[in-house]
Amino acid sequence: MFVAESIPYHLCRVSRCIERSFRVPAPARDPAGFAEALRAIALDNGIDVLIPTCEEIFHLARENRRLEGACRVFVPGLDDLDRLHHKDKFIRLAEQAGLPVPATELFDTPDGWLPLLKDERYRDGIVLKPAYSRFASRVIRIDSQKYGGGKLDKDRIHALPVAGSWGASRDAVMRKLTEGGLSPIRPWIAQAMLHGDEWCTYGVAHGGELTAFAAYRSRFRAGLGASTHFASASHPPLLDWVRRFVRHTGFTGQIAFDFMVASDGSVLPMECNPRATSGIHLFGPGDRLAEAILHPDTLLRHDGVAFPGEAGGSGAMLSAAMFTYGFMHACRQQRVREWMQACRASRDAVYRRDDAWPSVEQFRLLGWALWTARRHGLTLQEALTSDIEWNGER
């Protein structure tokens, strides 16, 4: 197995499972150079299949022609990816499939969300976020429950950004939207605030047929975004929703969703990530994920869908993140005992006794990310994704 990465430190770089690691141009800054470098690596090393792991998938789809004849690239078309990654287009697509969705509106001016304060569909609150974003970056939550469950008021609101709680006027939110890059070419969405249990799914599909699927609760997170703990669980309504969606779209590729499951069991999607996500950590040796990606016909002919062997089991965690972000999340929500139980019952997704160097490498990566964030005035999450993020560029 070979890996390619644009930053100097990454976990696979030092893994015993990797034959060789290559440094390539950053896809967000040099997509053509990135694709050409991968082409050369594939031809020089006899690579059969190239599988993206995060948002570099969008740049690969954009430059896919440069890899023709070099290897198979497990990437859908850019138009297919765009209508899933764009948060409003995804909701509209789910509506077309006849699936339930939350109230969602696209807006491109700082005051474009204000009329929704009078809309009954948003009486429990509004979540504002860029149409293109990742890991809940720049999310603004406007929560009516801060007024004892009363309705939102158009002049006096309470907004909760990623960093914590703050009281704000509507003008302060509008100012924050402008600072966040809102414009006609960088629209945001306003989505009805949902209440319940947050769930995530990860899957693989070929021609509209699901070949791998995992569902897990998003109980402990880094800020409002990435999960730090993953415990696979059976959830038939989520499996049914995802299966109906991929059949409607005829999708091929890796696909993940964030859901809210209400107390009555109803399921509503919040957004889609048409790429690999942390849910992949739930699959281990013998769980047939590789077969689901590389040999779907065999799997579909016999067993249908690959599920994690840990379904209903202990799950996995990113220990470094779980002991920092996850612990702070647990303290804020007064769930420290639940956090302790999750830590005791979970394996580290990074550490293996026979392949220990990746667990050391994560601290090198953290140090580099902190230095990069400070140098360029970025958040830690932005420093880790600025080389790969895609915001609709063509």
Protein backbone atom coordinates (compact mmCIF):
# COMPACT_ATOMS: atom_id res chain seq x y z
CA MET A 1 0.00 0.00 0.00
CA PHE A 2 1.22 3.49 -0.90
CA VAL A 3 0.08 6.88 0.43
CA ALA A 4 0.43 10.46 -0.80
CA GLU A 5 -0.01 13.59 1.32
CA SER A 6 0.63 17.30 0.94
CA ILE A 7 1.58 18.12 4.55
CA PRO A 8 4.88 17.07 6.15
CA TYR A 9 3.43 14.96 8.99
CA HIS A 10 0.61 12.42 8.78
CA LEU A 11 -0.12 9.17 10.55
CA CYS A 12 0.33 6.82 7.60
CA ARG A 13 3.80 8.22 6.92
CA VAL A 14 5.35 6.08 9.67
CA SER A 15 3.03 3.06 9.61
CA ARG A 16 4.47 -0.42 9.08
CA CYS A 17 1.50 -1.11 6.77
CA ILE A 18 2.73 1.47 4.25
CA GLU A 19 5.33 0.52 1.67
CA ARG A 20 6.11 4.11 0.78
CA SER A 21 4.80 7.63 1.49
CA PHE A 22 5.02 10.47 -1.04
CA ARG A 23 4.85 14.26 -0.57
CA VAL A 24 2.68 15.92 -3.23
CA PRO A 25 1.51 19.50 -3.97
CA ALA A 26 -1.44 20.80 -1.94
CA PRO A 27 -4.58 20.12 -4.02
CA ALA A 28 -6.35 23.31 -2.89
CA ARG A 29 -3.44 25.46 -4.11
CA ASP A 30 -2.16 23.43 -7.08
CA PRO A 31 -4.83 20.92 -8.19
CA ALA A 32 -3.15 20.25 -11.54
CA GLY A 33 0.23 19.66 -9.93
CA PHE A 34 -1.42 17.42 -7.34
CA ALA A 35 -3.07 15.25 -10.00
CA GLU A 36 0.09 15.07 -12.13
CA ALA A 37 2.13 13.98 -9.11
CA LEU A 38 -0.37 11.20 -8.39
CA ARG A 39 -0.26 10.13 -12.02
CA ALA A 40 3.52 9.79 -11.89
CA ILE A 41 3.33 7.83 -8.62
CA ALA A 42 0.69 5.48 -10.05
CA LEU A 43 2.67 4.79 -13.22
CA ASP A 44 6.03 4.38 -11.47
CA ASN A 45 4.67 2.01 -8.80
CA GLY A 46 2.02 0.02 -10.67
CA ILE A 47 -0.89 1.40 -8.62
CA ASP A 48 -4.21 -0.26 -9.47
CA VAL A 49 -6.70 1.89 -7.54
CA LEU A 50 -6.51 5.37 -6.04
CA ILE A 51 -8.85 5.94 -3.06
CA PRO A 52 -9.23 9.48 -1.63
CA THR A 53 -9.65 9.90 2.13
CA CYS A 54 -10.98 13.46 2.57
CA GLU A 55 -11.75 16.62 0.58
CA GLU A 56 -8.95 16.01 -1.91
CA ILE A 57 -11.66 13.94 -3.61
CA PHE A 58 -13.14 17.14 -5.10
CA HIS A 59 -9.84 18.18 -6.62
CA LEU A 60 -9.31 14.68 -8.00
CA ALA A 61 -12.75 14.76 -9.61
CA ARG A 62 -11.93 18.16 -11.09
CA GLU A 63 -8.60 16.91 -12.51
CA ASN A 64 -9.58 13.28 -13.14
CA ARG A 65 -8.66 13.44 -16.83
CA ARG A 66 -4.99 13.79 -15.85
CA LEU A 67 -5.09 10.31 -14.33
CA GLU A 68 -6.68 8.57 -17.29
CA GLY A 69 -4.70 5.47 -18.21
CA ALA A 70 -2.65 5.58 -15.00
CA CYS A 71 -4.98 3.80 -12.58
CA ARG A 72 -8.61 3.45 -11.55
CA VAL A 73 -9.74 6.40 -9.42
CA PHE A 74 -12.58 5.70 -6.96
CA VAL A 75 -14.13 9.15 -7.44
CA PRO A 76 -17.60 10.19 -8.69
CA GLY A 77 -18.02 13.06 -11.15
CA LEU A 78 -17.56 16.60 -9.85
CA ASP A 79 -21.22 17.51 -10.51
CA ASP A 80 -22.37 14.52 -8.44
CA LEU A 81 -20.04 15.49 -5.60
CA ASP A 82 -21.09 19.14 -5.73
CA ARG A 83 -24.81 18.46 -5.35
CA LEU A 84 -24.05 16.43 -2.21
CA HIS A 85 -21.36 18.63 -0.65
CA HIS A 86 -23.35 21.86 -1.17
CA LYS A 87 -25.67 21.90 1.84
CA ASP A 88 -28.71 23.39 0.11
CA LYS A 89 -28.40 21.30 -3.07
CA PHE A 90 -28.21 18.18 -0.91
CA ILE A 91 -31.44 19.02 0.94
CA ARG A 92 -33.22 19.68 -2.37
CA LEU A 93 -31.96 16.36 -3.73
CA ALA A 94 -33.25 14.49 -0.66
CA GLU A 95 -36.62 16.23 -1.11
CA GLN A 96 -36.75 14.99 -4.71
CA ALA A 97 -36.16 11.47 -3.40
CA GLY A 98 -39.29 11.82 -1.24
CA LEU A 99 -37.30 11.80 2.01
CA PRO A 100 -38.09 14.01 5.03
CA VAL A 101 -35.78 17.03 5.43
CA PRO A 102 -35.55 20.04 7.78
CA ALA A 103 -36.60 23.52 6.64
CA THR A 104 -33.57 24.97 4.82
CA GLU A 105 -33.08 28.25 2.95
CA LEU A 106 -30.13 29.58 0.94
CA PHE A 107 -29.12 33.23 1.42
CA ASP A 108 -26.26 35.40 0.19
CA THR A 109 -26.60 38.73 2.05
CA PRO A 110 -25.95 39.39 5.77
CA ASP A 111 -29.64 40.14 6.40
CA GLY A 112 -30.98 37.35 4.17
CA TRP A 113 -31.88 35.13 7.13
CA LEU A 114 -33.85 37.77 9.09
CA PRO A 115 -37.28 37.07 7.49
CA LEU A 116 -37.03 33.52 8.85
CA LEU A 117 -37.39 34.84 12.40
CA LYS A 118 -41.11 35.18 11.61
CA ASP A 119 -41.35 31.73 10.00
CA GLU A 120 -43.04 29.11 12.19
CA ARG A 121 -40.79 26.38 10.77
CA TYR A 122 -37.84 28.03 12.56
CA ARG A 123 -39.59 28.64 15.89
CA ASP A 124 -37.10 26.43 17.80
CA GLY A 125 -34.08 28.23 16.40
CA ILE A 126 -31.91 28.68 13.32
CA VAL A 127 -28.52 27.24 12.39
CA LEU A 128 -26.47 29.33 9.96
CA LYS A 129 -23.53 27.78 8.09
CA PRO A 130 -21.67 28.19 4.79
CA ALA A 131 -23.08 26.16 1.91
CA TYR A 132 -19.59 24.74 1.51
CA SER A 133 -17.93 23.91 4.83
CA ARG A 134 -16.58 21.05 6.88
CA PHE A 135 -16.32 19.97 10.54
CA ALA A 136 -18.99 22.53 11.58
CA SER A 137 -16.55 25.38 10.94
CA ARG A 138 -18.11 28.89 11.22
CA VAL A 139 -21.50 27.53 12.35
CA ILE A 140 -23.75 30.04 14.15
CA ARG A 141 -26.58 28.63 16.26
CA ILE A 142 -29.48 30.96 17.12
CA ASP A 143 -31.42 29.16 19.82
CA SER A 144 -34.94 30.17 20.91
CA GLN A 145 -34.65 27.90 23.95
CA LYS A 146 -32.41 30.53 25.53
CA TYR A 147 -35.67 32.33 26.18
CA GLY A 148 -37.31 29.47 28.03
CA GLY A 149 -38.52 27.90 24.82
CA GLY A 150 -40.09 31.11 23.54
CA LYS A 151 -40.05 32.23 19.94
CA LEU A 152 -37.12 34.03 18.39
CA ASP A 153 -37.28 37.79 18.49
CA LYS A 154 -36.10 39.72 15.44
CA ASP A 155 -34.24 42.32 17.55
CA ARG A 156 -32.97 40.29 20.50
CA ILE A 157 -31.43 36.89 19.84
CA HIS A 158 -28.93 34.56 21.44
CA ALA A 159 -26.29 33.04 19.16
CA LEU A 160 -23.93 30.18 19.90
CA PRO A 161 -20.87 29.98 17.62
CA VAL A 162 -18.28 27.20 17.70
CA ALA A 163 -16.18 28.89 20.37
CA GLY A 164 -18.91 29.02 23.00
CA SER A 165 -21.90 31.04 24.15
CA TRP A 166 -22.39 34.73 23.60
CA GLY A 167 -25.30 37.09 23.66
CA ALA A 168 -25.70 39.02 20.43
CA SER A 169 -27.93 41.42 18.58
CA ARG A 170 -28.99 40.69 15.03
CA ASP A 171 -26.39 43.26 13.87
CA ALA A 172 -23.64 41.27 15.59
CA VAL A 173 -24.71 38.11 13.76
CA MET A 174 -24.80 40.00 10.46
CA ARG A 175 -21.30 41.29 11.14
CA LYS A 176 -20.11 37.77 11.90
CA LEU A 177 -21.61 36.53 8.62
CA THR A 178 -19.72 39.19 6.70
CA GLU A 179 -16.50 38.25 8.49
CA GLY A 180 -17.21 34.63 7.60
CA GLY A 181 -17.04 35.40 3.88
CA LEU A 182 -20.75 35.48 3.02
CA SER A 183 -21.32 36.80 -0.50
CA PRO A 184 -23.32 35.99 -3.66
CA ILE A 185 -20.54 33.60 -4.71
CA ARG A 186 -20.15 32.19 -1.17
CA PRO A 187 -23.75 31.73 0.04
CA TRP A 188 -24.77 30.30 3.41
CA ILE A 189 -27.79 28.29 4.46
CA ALA A 190 -30.25 28.79 7.29
CA GLN A 191 -31.57 25.52 8.64
CA ALA A 192 -34.23 24.90 11.27
CA MET A 193 -32.59 23.93 14.56
CA LEU A 194 -33.24 20.29 15.35
CA HIS A 195 -33.36 18.62 18.76
CA GLY A 196 -32.69 14.99 19.60
CA ASP A 197 -29.74 12.62 19.30
CA GLU A 198 -27.07 13.28 16.69
CA TRP A 199 -26.11 10.29 14.56
CA CYS A 200 -23.61 9.86 11.78
CA THR A 201 -23.35 7.25 9.05
CA TYR A 202 -20.60 6.16 6.69
CA GLY A 203 -21.16 4.00 3.65
CA VAL A 204 -19.96 2.83 0.27
CA ALA A 205 -22.22 2.55 -2.78
CA HIS A 206 -21.89 1.29 -6.35
CA GLY A 207 -24.46 2.21 -8.98
CA GLY A 208 -27.02 3.11 -6.34
CA GLU A 209 -26.55 -0.08 -4.28
CA LEU A 210 -25.14 0.18 -0.77
CA THR A 211 -22.17 -2.18 -0.20
CA ALA A 212 -20.95 -0.98 3.23
CA PHE A 213 -22.71 0.83 6.06
CA ALA A 214 -21.97 1.96 9.61
CA ALA A 215 -24.08 4.11 11.94
CA TYR A 216 -22.86 5.64 15.18
CA ARG A 217 -23.89 8.21 17.78
CA SER A 218 -22.02 11.51 17.70
CA ARG A 219 -21.73 11.80 21.47
CA PHE A 220 -18.36 13.52 21.97
CA ARG A 221 -16.98 15.99 19.46
CA ALA A 222 -14.29 18.57 18.76
CA GLY A 223 -16.35 21.76 19.08
CA LEU A 224 -19.57 21.37 17.09
CA GLY A 225 -17.87 19.30 14.41
CA ALA A 226 -15.78 16.16 14.10
CA SER A 227 -16.58 13.22 16.36
CA THR A 228 -13.88 11.90 18.69
CA HIS A 229 -15.70 8.69 19.69
CA PHE A 230 -17.40 6.12 17.46
CA ALA A 231 -19.58 3.28 18.72
CA SER A 232 -21.29 1.36 15.95
CA ALA A 233 -24.95 0.53 16.50
CA SER A 234 -27.76 -0.98 14.48
CA HIS A 235 -30.27 1.68 13.38
CA PRO A 236 -32.68 0.37 10.70
CA PRO A 237 -34.37 3.74 9.97
CA LEU A 238 -30.99 5.31 9.17
CA LEU A 239 -30.01 2.35 6.99
CA ASP A 240 -33.33 2.65 5.15
CA TRP A 241 -32.91 6.43 4.63
CA VAL A 242 -29.39 6.07 3.23
CA ARG A 243 -30.36 3.10 1.04
CA ARG A 244 -33.28 5.03 -0.46
CA PHE A 245 -31.10 8.08 -1.08
CA VAL A 246 -28.25 6.27 -2.86
CA ARG A 247 -30.76 4.33 -4.99
CA HIS A 248 -32.50 7.55 -6.00
CA THR A 249 -29.21 9.20 -6.99
CA GLY A 250 -27.54 6.09 -8.44
CA PHE A 251 -24.47 7.11 -6.45
CA THR A 252 -21.07 5.41 -6.64
CA GLY A 253 -18.43 6.23 -4.04
CA GLN A 254 -18.00 6.79 -0.33
CA ILE A 255 -20.83 8.71 1.30
CA ALA A 256 -21.55 9.90 4.82
CA PHE A 257 -24.39 11.78 6.51
CA ASP A 258 -25.11 13.70 9.72
CA PHE A 259 -28.60 13.10 11.11
CA MET A 260 -30.78 14.19 14.00
CA VAL A 261 -32.99 11.47 15.44
CA ALA A 262 -35.93 12.91 17.40
CA SER A 263 -37.41 11.36 20.54
CA ASP A 264 -40.23 9.86 18.46
CA GLY A 265 -37.69 8.07 16.25
CA SER A 266 -38.12 10.30 13.21
CA VAL A 267 -34.97 10.90 11.16
CA LEU A 268 -33.90 14.18 9.56
CA PRO A 269 -30.63 14.78 7.68
CA MET A 270 -28.49 17.83 8.38
CA GLU A 271 -25.78 17.45 5.75
CA CYS A 272 -23.90 15.03 3.52
CA ASN A 273 -20.18 14.33 3.13
CA PRO A 274 -19.57 12.44 -0.15
CA ARG A 275 -16.20 11.11 1.01
CA ALA A 276 -14.52 9.05 3.69
CA THR A 277 -15.22 10.16 7.26
CA SER A 278 -14.36 8.97 10.75
CA GLY A 279 -16.97 6.22 10.49
CA ILE A 280 -14.37 4.23 8.57
CA HIS A 281 -12.58 3.66 11.91
CA LEU A 282 -15.35 1.24 12.87
CA PHE A 283 -14.35 -1.26 10.20
CA GLY A 284 -11.57 -3.67 11.10
CA PRO A 285 -9.88 -6.73 9.65
CA GLY A 286 -12.47 -9.18 8.38
CA ASP A 287 -15.25 -6.58 8.03
CA ARG A 288 -14.95 -6.66 4.23
CA LEU A 289 -14.72 -2.92 3.70
CA ALA A 290 -11.99 -3.36 1.09
CA GLU A 291 -14.25 -5.78 -0.76
CA ALA A 292 -17.12 -3.30 -0.56
CA ILE A 293 -14.93 -0.71 -2.30
CA LEU A 294 -12.93 -2.86 -4.73
CA HIS A 295 -15.11 -5.91 -5.49
CA PRO A 296 -18.73 -4.87 -4.93
CA ASP A 297 -20.23 -7.41 -7.35
CA THR A 298 -18.98 -10.33 -5.26
CA LEU A 299 -20.31 -8.78 -2.07
CA LEU A 300 -23.70 -7.89 -3.52
CA ARG A 301 -24.08 -11.35 -5.04
CA HIS A 302 -23.61 -13.08 -1.69
CA ASP A 303 -24.01 -10.98 1.46
CA GLY A 304 -25.23 -7.61 0.23
CA VAL A 305 -23.74 -5.08 2.67
CA ALA A 306 -20.58 -5.05 4.80
CA PHE A 307 -21.23 -3.94 8.38
CA PRO A 308 -18.67 -3.28 11.14
CA GLY A 309 -18.05 -6.29 13.35
CA GLU A 310 -18.35 -3.94 16.31
CA ALA A 311 -22.04 -3.20 15.69
CA GLY A 312 -23.51 -2.93 19.16
CA GLY A 313 -20.01 -3.28 20.63
CA SER A 314 -17.46 -1.03 22.29
CA GLY A 315 -16.40 1.10 19.35
CA ALA A 316 -13.33 3.22 18.78
CA MET A 317 -11.99 6.63 19.73
CA LEU A 318 -9.28 9.09 18.78
CA SER A 319 -7.64 9.11 22.20
CA ALA A 320 -5.72 12.38 21.90
CA ALA A 321 -8.88 14.22 20.79
CA MET A 322 -11.11 12.32 23.21
CA PHE A 323 -8.99 13.31 26.21
CA THR A 324 -9.00 16.99 25.20
CA TYR A 325 -11.94 18.08 23.06
CA GLY A 326 -14.10 15.13 24.09
CA PHE A 327 -13.53 15.75 27.78
CA MET A 328 -14.36 19.47 27.46
CA HIS A 329 -17.52 18.53 25.53
CA ALA A 330 -18.50 16.09 28.30
CA CYS A 331 -17.90 18.71 31.00
CA ARG A 332 -20.04 21.31 29.24
CA GLN A 333 -22.90 18.82 28.93
CA GLN A 334 -22.39 17.34 32.41
CA ARG A 335 -21.75 13.87 30.98
CA VAL A 336 -18.33 13.11 32.48
CA ARG A 337 -19.42 9.69 33.79
CA GLU A 338 -20.66 8.72 30.32
CA TRP A 339 -17.36 9.97 28.87
CA MET A 340 -15.37 7.83 31.32
CA GLN A 341 -17.41 4.75 30.43
CA ALA A 342 -16.88 5.39 26.73
CA CYS A 343 -13.12 5.75 27.22
CA ARG A 344 -12.86 2.52 29.23
CA ALA A 345 -14.86 0.54 26.68
CA SER A 346 -13.23 1.83 23.48
CA ARG A 347 -10.08 0.94 21.58
CA ASP A 348 -7.77 3.61 20.26
CA ALA A 349 -8.35 3.95 16.51
CA VAL A 350 -4.72 4.99 16.02
CA TYR A 351 -2.63 2.85 18.39
CA ARG A 352 -1.69 -0.75 17.64
CA ARG A 353 0.94 -2.65 19.59
CA ASP A 354 2.53 -3.99 16.41
CA ASP A 355 2.38 -0.59 14.65
CA ALA A 356 2.90 2.06 17.33
CA TRP A 357 4.58 4.90 15.42
CA PRO A 358 1.37 6.47 14.05
CA SER A 359 0.26 7.20 17.62
CA VAL A 360 3.52 9.12 18.13
CA GLU A 361 3.18 10.86 14.77
CA GLN A 362 -0.13 12.41 15.78
CA PHE A 363 1.68 14.63 18.28
CA ARG A 364 4.15 15.76 15.61
CA LEU A 365 1.13 16.52 13.42
CA LEU A 366 -0.53 18.47 16.24
CA GLY A 367 2.62 20.53 16.82
CA TRP A 368 2.90 21.34 13.12
CA ALA A 369 -0.82 22.27 12.95
CA LEU A 370 -0.53 24.59 15.97
CA TRP A 371 2.51 26.31 14.44
CA THR A 372 0.74 26.67 11.08
CA ALA A 373 -2.43 28.03 12.69
CA ARG A 374 -0.50 30.65 14.66
CA ARG A 375 1.62 31.64 11.67
CA HIS A 376 -1.32 32.13 9.29
CA GLY A 377 -4.03 33.27 11.72
CA LEU A 378 -6.11 30.10 11.31
CA THR A 379 -8.04 27.90 13.68
CA LEU A 380 -6.55 24.49 14.38
CA GLN A 381 -9.17 22.78 12.21
CA GLU A 382 -8.54 25.22 9.36
CA ALA A 383 -4.79 24.56 9.57
CA LEU A 384 -5.46 20.84 9.18
CA THR A 385 -7.75 21.22 6.17
CA SER A 386 -6.68 24.37 4.31
CA ASP A 387 -4.55 22.32 1.89
CA ILE A 388 -7.47 20.14 0.76
CA GLU A 389 -10.73 22.06 1.25
CA TRP A 390 -12.98 22.69 -1.74
CA ASN A 391 -15.59 25.43 -1.89
CA GLY A 392 -17.14 24.99 -5.30
CA GLU A 393 -14.16 26.02 -7.45
CA ARG A 394 -14.37 24.87 -11.05
